[in-house]
Amino acid sequence: MLNEDENEDSLRLNLALAEEKRDLAAIRLAHSKNKMAKCYNKCVRPESFKPDNHVMHRNEVSKAAGQGKLTPNWEGPYIIC
């Protein structure tokens, strides 16, 4: 049968092990996020706008008005100055 001192020692040990597991999980999570970001950034092309380029602008305002799915998603073209 366990006495109170052994029980407290066991609980402290379990708490320390749980904190260690939590720290290891946080390290693995950070490593995984960095790996996913690195993989994503390989495929992304940087956008550079130059003067006299024509660009379209996402139309967020009319979507919020609730006019349905037939409203245009883009507005423009706009010319970069």
Protein backbone atom coordinates (compact mmCIF):
# COMPACT_ATOMS: atom_id res chain seq x y z
CA MET A 1 0.00 0.00 0.00
CA LEU A 2 1.25 3.48 -0.85
CA ASN A 3 1.74 6.07 1.78
CA GLU A 4 1.29 9.81 1.30
CA ASP A 5 4.98 10.59 0.73
CA GLU A 6 5.33 7.99 -2.02
CA ASN A 7 2.11 9.20 -3.59
CA GLU A 8 3.32 12.83 -3.65
CA ASP A 9 6.66 11.77 -5.14
CA SER A 10 4.86 9.77 -7.80
CA LEU A 11 2.60 12.72 -8.65
CA ARG A 12 5.59 15.09 -8.91
CA LEU A 13 7.37 12.63 -11.20
CA ASN A 14 4.29 12.31 -13.40
CA LEU A 15 3.98 16.11 -13.55
CA ALA A 16 7.63 16.46 -14.57
CA LEU A 17 7.20 13.81 -17.27
CA ALA A 18 4.06 15.52 -18.57
CA GLU A 19 5.88 18.86 -18.80
CA GLU A 20 8.77 17.19 -20.63
CA LYS A 21 6.37 15.57 -23.11
CA ARG A 22 4.64 18.93 -23.63
CA ASP A 23 7.99 20.60 -24.35
CA LEU A 24 8.95 17.89 -26.85
CA ALA A 25 5.57 18.23 -28.57
CA ALA A 26 6.05 22.01 -28.86
CA ILE A 27 9.48 21.46 -30.42
CA ARG A 28 8.05 18.95 -32.92
CA LEU A 29 5.20 21.33 -33.74
CA ALA A 30 7.59 24.22 -34.40
CA HIS A 31 9.77 22.00 -36.59
CA SER A 32 6.73 20.84 -38.54
CA LYS A 33 5.50 24.42 -39.07
CA ASN A 34 8.93 25.49 -40.32
CA LYS A 35 9.05 22.52 -42.68
CA MET A 36 5.59 23.31 -44.09
CA ALA A 37 6.45 27.00 -44.51
CA LYS A 38 9.67 26.11 -46.32
CA CYS A 39 7.82 23.76 -48.67
CA TYR A 40 5.11 26.35 -49.34
CA ASN A 41 7.61 29.14 -49.97
CA LYS A 42 9.36 27.05 -52.63
CA CYS A 43 6.28 27.24 -54.85
CA VAL A 44 5.27 30.86 -54.26
CA ARG A 45 6.41 33.38 -56.83
CA PRO A 46 7.04 36.90 -55.57
CA GLU A 47 4.84 39.52 -57.21
CA SER A 48 6.46 42.69 -58.42
CA PHE A 49 4.39 45.46 -59.89
CA LYS A 50 5.91 47.95 -62.27
CA PRO A 51 4.51 51.20 -63.65
CA ASP A 52 1.97 50.78 -66.47
CA ASN A 53 1.03 47.25 -65.36
CA HIS A 54 -2.67 46.39 -65.39
CA VAL A 55 -3.91 44.74 -62.18
CA MET A 56 -7.24 43.52 -60.82
CA HIS A 57 -8.46 44.16 -57.28
CA ARG A 58 -10.46 41.61 -55.25
CA ASN A 59 -13.98 42.92 -54.71
CA GLU A 60 -14.63 42.31 -50.99
CA VAL A 61 -17.25 45.01 -50.41
CA SER A 62 -19.94 43.71 -52.74
CA LYS A 63 -19.61 40.19 -51.31
CA ALA A 64 -20.39 41.55 -47.86
CA ALA A 65 -23.52 43.24 -49.22
CA GLY A 66 -25.02 39.79 -49.81
CA GLN A 67 -26.03 40.23 -53.42
CA GLY A 68 -25.51 36.59 -54.28
CA LYS A 69 -22.93 34.54 -56.07
CA LEU A 70 -23.32 36.31 -59.40
CA THR A 71 -21.59 39.49 -58.23
CA PRO A 72 -18.12 40.01 -59.73
CA ASN A 73 -15.18 38.76 -57.67
CA TRP A 74 -12.71 41.26 -59.15
CA GLU A 75 -12.86 44.92 -60.05
CA GLY A 76 -10.58 46.77 -62.37
CA PRO A 77 -8.33 46.69 -64.33
CA TYR A 78 -6.30 49.37 -62.61
CA ILE A 79 -3.07 50.81 -63.97
CA ILE A 80 -0.05 51.03 -61.67
CA CYS A 81 1.43 54.55 -61.70
